[in-house]
Structures are given as C-alpha cells and as structure tokens.
Amino acid sequence: MLSRIAESLFWIGRYVERADGTARILDVYLQLLLEDPWIDEDTACRSLMSVMGHADDTGQDLTRADVLTRLGYDRAFPESIAFAVASARENARRAREIVSTELWECLNFTNAKLPKRVAVERSHEFFRWVRERSALAIGIIESATTHDEAWQFFALGRAVERADMTARLLATRALTEASGPSWTTILRSCGAYEAYLRTYRGVPSTQNAAEFLLTHRLFPRSILFATSRAIEALKAIDPVSPGAGIPDEAQRLLGQMRSELEFRSIADLLDDLPGNMENVQAVMSAASDEVRKKYFPTNAVPVWIGENS
C-alpha cells in the first residue's frame, strides 16, 4: 500500500475518534459548569483547555462560551471538533481510491453541515449530533470495509486516539476531584454506565469505575482494550517472525504500557491518576510518531499540541 494512502487511513481513524472523544469530554464538562454554580468558571475552563492540549496565555478570563468556540466549532483551532471533522474529510479526499463512497459521503456531509456557531444552552444537542455522525462513520468502516491492511490502519488510528481520549477524560476528573464530574457522569459520557452496571452491579465507586475505564479487557473504551487493539493492528500490518524479539518500536512502547496496566494494582494507578494519564498520553503520542516514521515518513500531519510532528 502507498504510504500516502496508509497515512490518510490512519488519520481518518484518529480524527473521527478525536471528534467523538472531544464531544464527549466537552459535553460532560460544560454540563457540570451549568449545574454547579460554586465552580470557578475561569479555573475550570483553563483546566479543561490544558487537558485538551492547549494552555491559554491571553490573560483574560475564560468562559463556557470561549471553550465551546475554541474546542467546538472554530475550524482554525487544531484541538477543535470542527478541525478534526475537516481533517478527516480531507484525508478521505486524499484516499478516494481506497475509501468507500459511503464513508466519503458521510464525512463530506458532516463537514458541510457542521454549524458555524452554537449557543451554549444548545451545546448538548451539538455534541450529541457529533457523536452520532462519528458513530455512523465508524459503523460504515466496520461494516463495509474489507478487514485487510487498509482496515488495520483505520483500526490502529482509532485505537491510539481512543486510549488517548479516555486518558484525557479521566484527567478531567483527576484535576477537579472534589467538584468534578461524578464517576456516574464520566461513565455515561463514555457510553459505559450500563456496561459497568452489568459488570459490577452497584453504584459506581472510585476504584471500580476507574478499574473499568483503565483495565477492563472487554470494554472497548478502556485504555487497556484500546492499547491491546492497537498492538493487534500493528502485528497484522507487519507480522513478527516466530522466535524473534519485537523490532517495531511502536509495538514495544504499547506493549510496555499494556503490561503496566495489567500488572499494576488499581490502587497504585489511582495514587497518581493525573500523572499516569499524562504518561498514557505521552506513550500514545510516541507510538503515533513511531508509526509515522516507519510507514509514512514523508509528510508531517496536524497533531495534538505536545506531539512530535
């Protein structure tokens, strides 16, 4: 496969997942600001911007409207939903000989219909629409794409981004422990609440909820599941010879992360949840960079602030 095509497929997966994950995080956080009048809005908004990879240095107080503008529909802002949707559409255009007509039409329509402005009081409707459009794109990829090398690059991009976005969502909880979103809210934002209840059969506790989102082997949005899926995709793209070590640097980084999640106790992970979530994000960034250098080294791509390009 041409490196140009592989790169586009990888980033379609990442950008679709990024739009979905950003919508989920913003929905939880902005709803919290609306419901709790005791939270300092400027501090909370700055924490959220920092978690999403952008430190505001304007010196002006930040409001919910500012966050919604920058991270929601500002197409010039690299961390925004609008930027992710437009980038997914552009990568689909570059790979039209591989991307199905259904997926192209889905991404093109989503980009065209993305609103240029959203009122704060209607932000929940906007985020729900973004999640639905992302789910449609992912459904098309899963149900109408041959599970060959092209699909593996889709899956790899999605898995790397999903682990990163779950880590960011958990970081929003860790930064505002006392007044932050409840574990029930966090689980609902991941679509995990009902799955959690079927597994633990009780009101979410800190340890059980964190364990579910960090280390559950069967829940698709857990960091462990996403990391394992990324490793499987890398092995399918470039199988390792029997008896050999792991020459692929991205596989090595992700394997170390998976082992750490599997063999550290949940209490140990919770002791420094912000630091551990920063480490997850750093590993995903490094693995993404190793994939870029190995499979499509010619072009730099727009990435989260802090990643190497």
C-alpha atoms as a PDB file:
ATOM      1  CA  MET A   1       0.000   0.000   0.000  1.00  0.00           C
ATOM      2  CA  LEU A   2       1.232   3.505  -0.800  1.00  0.00           C
ATOM      3  CA  SER A   3       2.452   5.353   2.292  1.00  0.00           C
ATOM      4  CA  ARG A   4       0.216   8.298   1.310  1.00  0.00           C
ATOM      5  CA  ILE A   5      -2.867   6.079   1.435  1.00  0.00           C
ATOM      6  CA  ALA A   6      -1.815   4.382   4.676  1.00  0.00           C
ATOM      7  CA  GLU A   7      -1.261   7.763   6.285  1.00  0.00           C
ATOM      8  CA  SER A   8      -4.684   9.035   5.246  1.00  0.00           C
ATOM      9  CA  LEU A   9      -6.442   5.925   6.564  1.00  0.00           C
ATOM     10  CA  PHE A  10      -4.593   6.121   9.881  1.00  0.00           C
ATOM     11  CA  TRP A  11      -5.557   9.769  10.339  1.00  0.00           C
ATOM     12  CA  ILE A  12      -9.175   9.275   9.301  1.00  0.00           C
ATOM     13  CA  GLY A  13      -9.425   6.790  12.166  1.00  0.00           C
ATOM     14  CA  ARG A  14      -7.732   9.182  14.582  1.00  0.00           C
ATOM     15  CA  TYR A  15      -9.688  12.269  13.583  1.00  0.00           C
ATOM     16  CA  VAL A  16     -13.106  10.583  13.673  1.00  0.00           C
ATOM     17  CA  GLU A  17     -12.319   9.203  17.122  1.00  0.00           C
ATOM     18  CA  ARG A  18     -10.955  12.598  18.206  1.00  0.00           C
ATOM     19  CA  ALA A  19     -14.147  14.392  17.200  1.00  0.00           C
ATOM     20  CA  ASP A  20     -16.196  11.840  19.135  1.00  0.00           C
ATOM     21  CA  GLY A  21     -13.960  11.931  22.225  1.00  0.00           C
ATOM     22  CA  THR A  22     -13.749  15.733  22.309  1.00  0.00           C
ATOM     23  CA  ALA A  23     -17.547  15.978  22.060  1.00  0.00           C
ATOM     24  CA  ARG A  24     -17.910  13.582  24.996  1.00  0.00           C
ATOM     25  CA  ILE A  25     -15.437  15.460  27.190  1.00  0.00           C
ATOM     26  CA  LEU A  26     -16.923  18.875  26.423  1.00  0.00           C
ATOM     27  CA  ASP A  27     -20.458  17.622  26.991  1.00  0.00           C
ATOM     28  CA  VAL A  28     -19.556  16.354  30.465  1.00  0.00           C
ATOM     29  CA  TYR A  29     -17.535  19.394  31.456  1.00  0.00           C
ATOM     30  CA  LEU A  30     -19.829  22.146  30.158  1.00  0.00           C
ATOM     31  CA  GLN A  31     -22.858  20.436  31.696  1.00  0.00           C
ATOM     32  CA  LEU A  32     -21.013  20.367  35.013  1.00  0.00           C
ATOM     33  CA  LEU A  33     -20.337  24.112  34.787  1.00  0.00           C
ATOM     34  CA  LEU A  34     -24.009  24.761  34.090  1.00  0.00           C
ATOM     35  CA  GLU A  35     -25.185  22.674  37.038  1.00  0.00           C
ATOM     36  CA  ASP A  36     -22.682  23.688  39.738  1.00  0.00           C
ATOM     37  CA  PRO A  37     -22.647  27.457  40.465  1.00  0.00           C
ATOM     38  CA  TRP A  38     -19.835  27.056  43.036  1.00  0.00           C
ATOM     39  CA  ILE A  39     -17.194  26.074  40.489  1.00  0.00           C
ATOM     40  CA  ASP A  40     -14.874  28.899  39.436  1.00  0.00           C
ATOM     41  CA  GLU A  41     -15.584  29.110  35.716  1.00  0.00           C
ATOM     42  CA  ASP A  42     -12.233  30.558  34.654  1.00  0.00           C
ATOM     43  CA  THR A  43     -10.199  27.969  36.598  1.00  0.00           C
ATOM     44  CA  ALA A  44     -12.333  25.096  35.346  1.00  0.00           C
ATOM     45  CA  CYS A  45     -12.144  26.276  31.733  1.00  0.00           C
ATOM     46  CA  ARG A  46      -8.369  26.659  31.927  1.00  0.00           C
ATOM     47  CA  SER A  47      -8.054  23.152  33.363  1.00  0.00           C
ATOM     48  CA  LEU A  48     -10.157  21.790  30.514  1.00  0.00           C
ATOM     49  CA  MET A  49      -8.145  23.643  27.876  1.00  0.00           C
ATOM     50  CA  SER A  50      -4.950  22.296  29.428  1.00  0.00           C
ATOM     51  CA  VAL A  51      -6.272  18.718  29.408  1.00  0.00           C
ATOM     52  CA  MET A  52      -7.197  19.107  25.759  1.00  0.00           C
ATOM     53  CA  GLY A  53      -3.656  20.182  24.903  1.00  0.00           C
ATOM     54  CA  HIS A  54      -3.892  23.971  24.840  1.00  0.00           C
ATOM     55  CA  ALA A  55      -2.684  26.338  27.565  1.00  0.00           C
ATOM     56  CA  ASP A  56      -4.393  29.730  27.287  1.00  0.00           C
ATOM     57  CA  ASP A  57      -1.959  32.638  27.808  1.00  0.00           C
ATOM     58  CA  THR A  58      -4.159  35.586  26.825  1.00  0.00           C
ATOM     59  CA  GLY A  59      -4.554  36.713  30.434  1.00  0.00           C
ATOM     60  CA  GLN A  60      -8.311  37.093  30.025  1.00  0.00           C
ATOM     61  CA  ASP A  61     -10.922  35.138  31.965  1.00  0.00           C
ATOM     62  CA  LEU A  62     -12.249  32.125  30.080  1.00  0.00           C
ATOM     63  CA  THR A  63     -15.956  31.308  29.906  1.00  0.00           C
ATOM     64  CA  ARG A  64     -18.017  28.332  28.764  1.00  0.00           C
ATOM     65  CA  ALA A  65     -18.681  30.187  25.516  1.00  0.00           C
ATOM     66  CA  ASP A  66     -14.930  30.602  24.901  1.00  0.00           C
ATOM     67  CA  VAL A  67     -14.326  26.876  25.424  1.00  0.00           C
ATOM     68  CA  LEU A  68     -17.240  25.942  23.166  1.00  0.00           C
ATOM     69  CA  THR A  69     -15.954  28.261  20.444  1.00  0.00           C
ATOM     70  CA  ARG A  70     -12.333  27.094  20.534  1.00  0.00           C
ATOM     71  CA  LEU A  71     -12.857  23.382  21.121  1.00  0.00           C
ATOM     72  CA  GLY A  72     -16.199  23.082  19.347  1.00  0.00           C
ATOM     73  CA  TYR A  73     -16.652  24.850  16.040  1.00  0.00           C
ATOM     74  CA  ASP A  74     -13.539  27.015  15.438  1.00  0.00           C
ATOM     75  CA  ARG A  75     -12.115  25.432  12.280  1.00  0.00           C
ATOM     76  CA  ALA A  76      -8.775  27.213  12.712  1.00  0.00           C
ATOM     77  CA  PHE A  77      -8.195  25.744  16.182  1.00  0.00           C
ATOM     78  CA  PRO A  78      -6.225  22.437  15.914  1.00  0.00           C
ATOM     79  CA  GLU A  79      -7.850  20.910  19.023  1.00  0.00           C
ATOM     80  CA  SER A  80     -11.439  21.618  17.931  1.00  0.00           C
ATOM     81  CA  ILE A  81     -14.129  19.214  16.796  1.00  0.00           C
ATOM     82  CA  ALA A  82     -14.554  21.217  13.586  1.00  0.00           C
ATOM     83  CA  PHE A  83     -10.831  20.902  12.794  1.00  0.00           C
ATOM     84  CA  ALA A  84     -10.949  17.128  13.381  1.00  0.00           C
ATOM     85  CA  VAL A  85     -14.001  16.690  11.145  1.00  0.00           C
ATOM     86  CA  ALA A  86     -12.490  18.813   8.360  1.00  0.00           C
ATOM     87  CA  SER A  87      -9.195  16.918   8.620  1.00  0.00           C
ATOM     88  CA  ALA A  88     -10.949  13.533   8.459  1.00  0.00           C
ATOM     89  CA  ARG A  89     -12.798  14.695   5.350  1.00  0.00           C
ATOM     90  CA  GLU A  90      -9.569  15.975   3.750  1.00  0.00           C
ATOM     91  CA  ASN A  91      -7.776  12.679   4.406  1.00  0.00           C
ATOM     92  CA  ALA A  92     -10.725  10.808   2.889  1.00  0.00           C
ATOM     93  CA  ARG A  93     -10.432  13.001  -0.211  1.00  0.00           C
ATOM     94  CA  ARG A  94      -6.734  12.138  -0.485  1.00  0.00           C
ATOM     95  CA  ALA A  95      -7.536   8.413  -0.302  1.00  0.00           C
ATOM     96  CA  ARG A  96     -10.626   8.321  -2.533  1.00  0.00           C
ATOM     97  CA  GLU A  97      -9.322   5.312  -4.469  1.00  0.00           C
ATOM     98  CA  ILE A  98      -9.492   3.277  -1.223  1.00  0.00           C
ATOM     99  CA  VAL A  99     -12.204   4.961   0.864  1.00  0.00           C
ATOM    100  CA  SER A 100     -15.741   3.765   0.121  1.00  0.00           C
ATOM    101  CA  THR A 101     -18.290   6.139  -1.396  1.00  0.00           C
ATOM    102  CA  GLU A 102     -20.461   5.738   1.721  1.00  0.00           C
ATOM    103  CA  LEU A 103     -17.669   6.852   4.053  1.00  0.00           C
ATOM    104  CA  TRP A 104     -16.702   9.758   1.794  1.00  0.00           C
ATOM    105  CA  GLU A 105     -20.301  10.973   1.635  1.00  0.00           C
ATOM    106  CA  CYS A 106     -20.672  10.621   5.406  1.00  0.00           C
ATOM    107  CA  LEU A 107     -17.552  12.674   6.183  1.00  0.00           C
ATOM    108  CA  ASN A 108     -18.263  15.226   3.448  1.00  0.00           C
ATOM    109  CA  PHE A 109     -21.842  15.746   4.670  1.00  0.00           C
ATOM    110  CA  THR A 110     -20.738  16.047   8.312  1.00  0.00           C
ATOM    111  CA  ASN A 111     -18.133  18.646   7.401  1.00  0.00           C
ATOM    112  CA  ALA A 112     -20.608  20.629   5.277  1.00  0.00           C
ATOM    113  CA  LYS A 113     -23.342  20.609   7.934  1.00  0.00           C
ATOM    114  CA  LEU A 114     -21.113  21.407  10.901  1.00  0.00           C
ATOM    115  CA  PRO A 115     -22.557  24.617  12.421  1.00  0.00           C
ATOM    116  CA  LYS A 116     -20.505  27.798  12.356  1.00  0.00           C
ATOM    117  CA  ARG A 117     -21.832  28.873  15.754  1.00  0.00           C
ATOM    118  CA  VAL A 118     -23.533  27.085  18.649  1.00  0.00           C
ATOM    119  CA  ALA A 119     -25.274  28.682  21.628  1.00  0.00           C
ATOM    120  CA  VAL A 120     -24.034  27.404  24.998  1.00  0.00           C
ATOM    121  CA  GLU A 121     -27.545  26.347  26.001  1.00  0.00           C
ATOM    122  CA  ARG A 122     -27.764  24.162  22.863  1.00  0.00           C
ATOM    123  CA  SER A 123     -24.301  22.660  23.147  1.00  0.00           C
ATOM    124  CA  HIS A 124     -25.627  19.255  24.300  1.00  0.00           C
ATOM    125  CA  GLU A 125     -27.567  18.868  21.035  1.00  0.00           C
ATOM    126  CA  PHE A 126     -24.440  19.749  19.070  1.00  0.00           C
ATOM    127  CA  PHE A 127     -22.282  17.232  20.920  1.00  0.00           C
ATOM    128  CA  ARG A 128     -24.898  14.509  20.513  1.00  0.00           C
ATOM    129  CA  TRP A 129     -25.001  15.198  16.756  1.00  0.00           C
ATOM    130  CA  VAL A 130     -21.199  14.932  16.553  1.00  0.00           C
ATOM    131  CA  ARG A 131     -21.271  11.602  18.420  1.00  0.00           C
ATOM    132  CA  GLU A 132     -23.982  10.266  16.118  1.00  0.00           C
ATOM    133  CA  ARG A 133     -22.090  11.298  12.976  1.00  0.00           C
ATOM    134  CA  SER A 134     -18.869   9.778  14.335  1.00  0.00           C
ATOM    135  CA  ALA A 135     -20.713   6.546  15.136  1.00  0.00           C
ATOM    136  CA  LEU A 136     -22.092   6.482  11.594  1.00  0.00           C
ATOM    137  CA  ALA A 137     -18.623   6.886  10.085  1.00  0.00           C
ATOM    138  CA  ILE A 138     -17.192   4.166  12.341  1.00  0.00           C
ATOM    139  CA  GLY A 139     -20.133   1.882  11.552  1.00  0.00           C
ATOM    140  CA  ILE A 140     -19.507   2.270   7.822  1.00  0.00           C
ATOM    141  CA  ILE A 141     -15.825   1.464   8.323  1.00  0.00           C
ATOM    142  CA  GLU A 142     -16.598  -1.616  10.405  1.00  0.00           C
ATOM    143  CA  SER A 143     -19.425  -2.999   8.276  1.00  0.00           C
ATOM    144  CA  ALA A 144     -18.488  -2.045   4.727  1.00  0.00           C
ATOM    145  CA  THR A 145     -14.690  -2.238   4.643  1.00  0.00           C
ATOM    146  CA  THR A 146     -12.729  -5.404   3.958  1.00  0.00           C
ATOM    147  CA  HIS A 147     -10.660  -6.230   7.029  1.00  0.00           C
ATOM    148  CA  ASP A 148      -7.381  -6.068   5.166  1.00  0.00           C
ATOM    149  CA  GLU A 149      -4.312  -3.870   5.632  1.00  0.00           C
ATOM    150  CA  ALA A 150      -6.324  -0.728   4.897  1.00  0.00           C
ATOM    151  CA  TRP A 151      -8.794  -1.557   7.661  1.00  0.00           C
ATOM    152  CA  GLN A 152      -5.921  -2.246  10.065  1.00  0.00           C
ATOM    153  CA  PHE A 153      -4.628   1.299   9.585  1.00  0.00           C
ATOM    154  CA  PHE A 154      -8.150   2.624  10.312  1.00  0.00           C
ATOM    155  CA  ALA A 155      -8.292   0.456  13.437  1.00  0.00           C
ATOM    156  CA  LEU A 156      -4.800   1.450  14.555  1.00  0.00           C
ATOM    157  CA  GLY A 157      -5.597   5.159  14.333  1.00  0.00           C
ATOM    158  CA  ARG A 158      -8.875   4.726  16.204  1.00  0.00           C
ATOM    159  CA  ALA A 159      -7.303   2.624  18.965  1.00  0.00           C
ATOM    160  CA  VAL A 160      -4.432   5.029  19.598  1.00  0.00           C
ATOM    161  CA  GLU A 161      -6.773   8.004  19.702  1.00  0.00           C
ATOM    162  CA  ARG A 162      -9.362   6.247  21.865  1.00  0.00           C
ATOM    163  CA  ALA A 163      -6.788   5.387  24.542  1.00  0.00           C
ATOM    164  CA  ASP A 164      -5.598   8.986  24.466  1.00  0.00           C
ATOM    165  CA  MET A 165      -9.144  10.407  24.739  1.00  0.00           C
ATOM    166  CA  THR A 166     -10.119   8.104  27.631  1.00  0.00           C
ATOM    167  CA  ALA A 167      -6.960   9.222  29.437  1.00  0.00           C
ATOM    168  CA  ARG A 168      -7.925  12.868  28.870  1.00  0.00           C
ATOM    169  CA  LEU A 169     -11.443  12.224  30.160  1.00  0.00           C
ATOM    170  CA  LEU A 170     -10.056  10.617  33.317  1.00  0.00           C
ATOM    171  CA  ALA A 171      -7.654  13.540  33.676  1.00  0.00           C
ATOM    172  CA  THR A 172     -10.586  15.987  33.765  1.00  0.00           C
ATOM    173  CA  ARG A 173     -11.901  14.033  36.745  1.00  0.00           C
ATOM    174  CA  ALA A 174      -8.491  13.970  38.447  1.00  0.00           C
ATOM    175  CA  LEU A 175      -7.908  17.722  38.070  1.00  0.00           C
ATOM    176  CA  THR A 176     -11.198  18.635  39.747  1.00  0.00           C
ATOM    177  CA  GLU A 177     -11.506  15.740  42.208  1.00  0.00           C
ATOM    178  CA  ALA A 178     -13.836  17.337  44.762  1.00  0.00           C
ATOM    179  CA  SER A 179     -16.097  19.324  42.465  1.00  0.00           C
ATOM    180  CA  GLY A 180     -15.520  17.484  39.206  1.00  0.00           C
ATOM    181  CA  PRO A 181     -17.913  15.251  37.320  1.00  0.00           C
ATOM    182  CA  SER A 182     -19.101  12.211  39.258  1.00  0.00           C
ATOM    183  CA  TRP A 183     -17.988   8.751  38.226  1.00  0.00           C
ATOM    184  CA  THR A 184     -21.542   8.107  37.053  1.00  0.00           C
ATOM    185  CA  THR A 185     -21.263  11.130  34.735  1.00  0.00           C
ATOM    186  CA  ILE A 186     -17.858  10.018  33.470  1.00  0.00           C
ATOM    187  CA  LEU A 187     -19.155   6.518  32.730  1.00  0.00           C
ATOM    188  CA  ARG A 188     -22.208   7.889  30.929  1.00  0.00           C
ATOM    189  CA  SER A 189     -20.024  10.128  28.789  1.00  0.00           C
ATOM    190  CA  CYS A 190     -18.137   7.023  27.607  1.00  0.00           C
ATOM    191  CA  GLY A 191     -21.325   5.092  26.966  1.00  0.00           C
ATOM    192  CA  ALA A 192     -20.060   2.831  29.753  1.00  0.00           C
ATOM    193  CA  TYR A 193     -22.641   3.244  32.518  1.00  0.00           C
ATOM    194  CA  GLU A 194     -24.928   0.327  31.618  1.00  0.00           C
ATOM    195  CA  ALA A 195     -21.986  -1.921  30.793  1.00  0.00           C
ATOM    196  CA  TYR A 196     -20.487  -1.002  34.185  1.00  0.00           C
ATOM    197  CA  LEU A 197     -23.737  -1.895  35.983  1.00  0.00           C
ATOM    198  CA  ARG A 198     -23.863  -5.287  34.263  1.00  0.00           C
ATOM    199  CA  THR A 199     -20.286  -5.932  35.386  1.00  0.00           C
ATOM    200  CA  TYR A 200     -20.246  -4.577  38.950  1.00  0.00           C
ATOM    201  CA  ARG A 201     -23.983  -4.471  39.795  1.00  0.00           C
ATOM    202  CA  GLY A 202     -23.751  -1.462  42.075  1.00  0.00           C
ATOM    203  CA  VAL A 203     -23.376   2.313  42.371  1.00  0.00           C
ATOM    204  CA  PRO A 204     -20.072   3.397  40.796  1.00  0.00           C
ATOM    205  CA  SER A 205     -17.210   3.703  43.267  1.00  0.00           C
ATOM    206  CA  THR A 206     -13.905   5.384  42.533  1.00  0.00           C
ATOM    207  CA  GLN A 207     -11.953   2.124  42.445  1.00  0.00           C
ATOM    208  CA  ASN A 208     -14.439   0.111  40.388  1.00  0.00           C
ATOM    209  CA  ALA A 209     -15.189   2.877  37.864  1.00  0.00           C
ATOM    210  CA  ALA A 210     -11.513   3.685  37.359  1.00  0.00           C
ATOM    211  CA  GLU A 211     -10.721  -0.017  37.018  1.00  0.00           C
ATOM    212  CA  PHE A 212     -13.456  -0.385  34.387  1.00  0.00           C
ATOM    213  CA  LEU A 213     -12.153   2.511  32.267  1.00  0.00           C
ATOM    214  CA  LEU A 214      -8.473   1.748  32.764  1.00  0.00           C
ATOM    215  CA  THR A 215      -8.035  -2.011  32.771  1.00  0.00           C
ATOM    216  CA  HIS A 216     -11.203  -3.825  31.698  1.00  0.00           C
ATOM    217  CA  ARG A 217     -10.272  -6.313  28.981  1.00  0.00           C
ATOM    218  CA  LEU A 218     -13.705  -6.457  27.307  1.00  0.00           C
ATOM    219  CA  PHE A 219     -14.948  -2.853  27.299  1.00  0.00           C
ATOM    220  CA  PRO A 220     -13.936  -1.147  24.004  1.00  0.00           C
ATOM    221  CA  ARG A 221     -13.290   2.282  25.542  1.00  0.00           C
ATOM    222  CA  SER A 222     -10.979   1.100  28.309  1.00  0.00           C
ATOM    223  CA  ILE A 223      -7.368   2.121  27.900  1.00  0.00           C
ATOM    224  CA  LEU A 224      -6.190  -1.496  28.177  1.00  0.00           C
ATOM    225  CA  PHE A 225      -8.606  -2.687  25.463  1.00  0.00           C
ATOM    226  CA  ALA A 226      -7.627   0.151  23.091  1.00  0.00           C
ATOM    227  CA  THR A 227      -3.915  -0.441  23.689  1.00  0.00           C
ATOM    228  CA  SER A 228      -4.317  -4.165  23.007  1.00  0.00           C
ATOM    229  CA  ARG A 229      -6.265  -3.420  19.820  1.00  0.00           C
ATOM    230  CA  ALA A 230      -3.512  -1.100  18.594  1.00  0.00           C
ATOM    231  CA  ILE A 231      -0.922  -3.837  19.189  1.00  0.00           C
ATOM    232  CA  GLU A 232      -3.049  -6.356  17.256  1.00  0.00           C
ATOM    233  CA  ALA A 233      -3.317  -3.943  14.318  1.00  0.00           C
ATOM    234  CA  LEU A 234       0.443  -3.380  14.255  1.00  0.00           C
ATOM    235  CA  LYS A 235       1.067  -7.139  14.309  1.00  0.00           C
ATOM    236  CA  ALA A 236      -1.363  -7.630  11.413  1.00  0.00           C
ATOM    237  CA  ILE A 237       0.297  -4.875   9.375  1.00  0.00           C
ATOM    238  CA  ASP A 238       3.841  -6.173   9.971  1.00  0.00           C
ATOM    239  CA  PRO A 239       3.883  -9.723  11.425  1.00  0.00           C
ATOM    240  CA  VAL A 240       6.853 -10.544  13.641  1.00  0.00           C
ATOM    241  CA  SER A 241       8.874 -13.645  12.749  1.00  0.00           C
ATOM    242  CA  PRO A 242       8.458 -16.557  15.209  1.00  0.00           C
ATOM    243  CA  GLY A 243      11.205 -16.620  17.806  1.00  0.00           C
ATOM    244  CA  ALA A 244      12.291 -13.043  17.126  1.00  0.00           C
ATOM    245  CA  GLY A 245      12.079 -10.116  19.518  1.00  0.00           C
ATOM    246  CA  ILE A 246       9.905  -7.058  18.947  1.00  0.00           C
ATOM    247  CA  PRO A 247      11.774  -4.898  16.424  1.00  0.00           C
ATOM    248  CA  ASP A 248       8.855  -2.494  15.980  1.00  0.00           C
ATOM    249  CA  GLU A 249       9.296   0.465  18.342  1.00  0.00           C
ATOM    250  CA  ALA A 250       5.582   1.350  18.393  1.00  0.00           C
ATOM    251  CA  GLN A 251       4.717  -2.227  19.423  1.00  0.00           C
ATOM    252  CA  ARG A 252       7.361  -2.089  22.145  1.00  0.00           C
ATOM    253  CA  LEU A 253       6.004   1.168  23.585  1.00  0.00           C
ATOM    254  CA  LEU A 254       2.410  -0.035  23.540  1.00  0.00           C
ATOM    255  CA  GLY A 255       3.383  -3.443  24.937  1.00  0.00           C
ATOM    256  CA  GLN A 256       5.126  -1.825  27.878  1.00  0.00           C
ATOM    257  CA  MET A 257       2.037   0.307  28.502  1.00  0.00           C
ATOM    258  CA  ARG A 258      -0.237  -2.746  28.352  1.00  0.00           C
ATOM    259  CA  SER A 259       1.960  -4.651  30.812  1.00  0.00           C
ATOM    260  CA  GLU A 260       1.959  -1.721  33.211  1.00  0.00           C
ATOM    261  CA  LEU A 261      -1.830  -1.504  33.117  1.00  0.00           C
ATOM    262  CA  GLU A 262      -2.245  -5.259  33.522  1.00  0.00           C
ATOM    263  CA  PHE A 263       0.171  -5.796  36.400  1.00  0.00           C
ATOM    264  CA  ARG A 264      -0.071  -2.626  38.491  1.00  0.00           C
ATOM    265  CA  SER A 265      -2.815  -2.569  41.112  1.00  0.00           C
ATOM    266  CA  ILE A 266      -5.709  -0.182  40.565  1.00  0.00           C
ATOM    267  CA  ALA A 267      -4.891   1.466  43.907  1.00  0.00           C
ATOM    268  CA  ASP A 268      -1.391   2.188  42.642  1.00  0.00           C
ATOM    269  CA  LEU A 269      -2.762   3.685  39.427  1.00  0.00           C
ATOM    270  CA  LEU A 270      -5.191   5.872  41.383  1.00  0.00           C
ATOM    271  CA  ASP A 271      -2.465   7.170  43.704  1.00  0.00           C
ATOM    272  CA  ASP A 272      -1.247   9.441  40.914  1.00  0.00           C
ATOM    273  CA  LEU A 273      -4.058   9.382  38.371  1.00  0.00           C
ATOM    274  CA  PRO A 274      -3.113  12.712  36.682  1.00  0.00           C
ATOM    275  CA  GLY A 275       0.499  11.599  36.283  1.00  0.00           C
ATOM    276  CA  ASN A 276      -0.478   8.173  34.997  1.00  0.00           C
ATOM    277  CA  MET A 277      -2.892   9.690  32.480  1.00  0.00           C
ATOM    278  CA  GLU A 278      -0.174  12.059  31.267  1.00  0.00           C
ATOM    279  CA  ASN A 279       2.054   9.020  30.797  1.00  0.00           C
ATOM    280  CA  VAL A 280      -0.649   7.267  28.724  1.00  0.00           C
ATOM    281  CA  GLN A 281      -0.931  10.343  26.504  1.00  0.00           C
ATOM    282  CA  ALA A 282       2.859  10.547  26.142  1.00  0.00           C
ATOM    283  CA  VAL A 283       3.094   6.866  25.148  1.00  0.00           C
ATOM    284  CA  MET A 284       0.290   7.221  22.584  1.00  0.00           C
ATOM    285  CA  SER A 285       1.989  10.288  21.133  1.00  0.00           C
ATOM    286  CA  ALA A 286       5.337   8.492  20.927  1.00  0.00           C
ATOM    287  CA  ALA A 287       3.762   5.376  19.374  1.00  0.00           C
ATOM    288  CA  SER A 288       1.945   7.513  16.804  1.00  0.00           C
ATOM    289  CA  ASP A 289       5.219   9.197  15.925  1.00  0.00           C
ATOM    290  CA  GLU A 290       6.962   5.828  15.516  1.00  0.00           C
ATOM    291  CA  VAL A 291       4.168   4.649  13.195  1.00  0.00           C
ATOM    292  CA  ARG A 292       4.551   7.817  11.153  1.00  0.00           C
ATOM    293  CA  LYS A 293       8.316   7.413  10.837  1.00  0.00           C
ATOM    294  CA  LYS A 294       8.071   3.751   9.815  1.00  0.00           C
ATOM    295  CA  TYR A 295       5.084   3.708   7.452  1.00  0.00           C
ATOM    296  CA  PHE A 296       4.662   7.251   6.095  1.00  0.00           C
ATOM    297  CA  PRO A 297       7.812   9.271   6.810  1.00  0.00           C
ATOM    298  CA  THR A 298       7.442  11.900   4.096  1.00  0.00           C
ATOM    299  CA  ASN A 299       4.698  14.134   5.457  1.00  0.00           C
ATOM    300  CA  ALA A 300       4.082  15.899   8.740  1.00  0.00           C
ATOM    301  CA  VAL A 301       0.464  15.997   9.908  1.00  0.00           C
ATOM    302  CA  PRO A 302      -1.566  18.208  12.285  1.00  0.00           C
ATOM    303  CA  VAL A 303      -1.431  16.657  15.758  1.00  0.00           C
ATOM    304  CA  TRP A 304      -2.192  17.494  19.377  1.00  0.00           C
ATOM    305  CA  ILE A 305      -0.052  20.216  20.883  1.00  0.00           C
ATOM    306  CA  GLY A 306       2.883  18.491  22.516  1.00  0.00           C
ATOM    307  CA  GLU A 307       3.238  15.692  19.989  1.00  0.00           C
ATOM    308  CA  ASN A 308       6.249  15.470  17.742  1.00  0.00           C
ATOM    309  CA  SER A 309       5.475  16.185  14.101  1.00  0.00           C
END
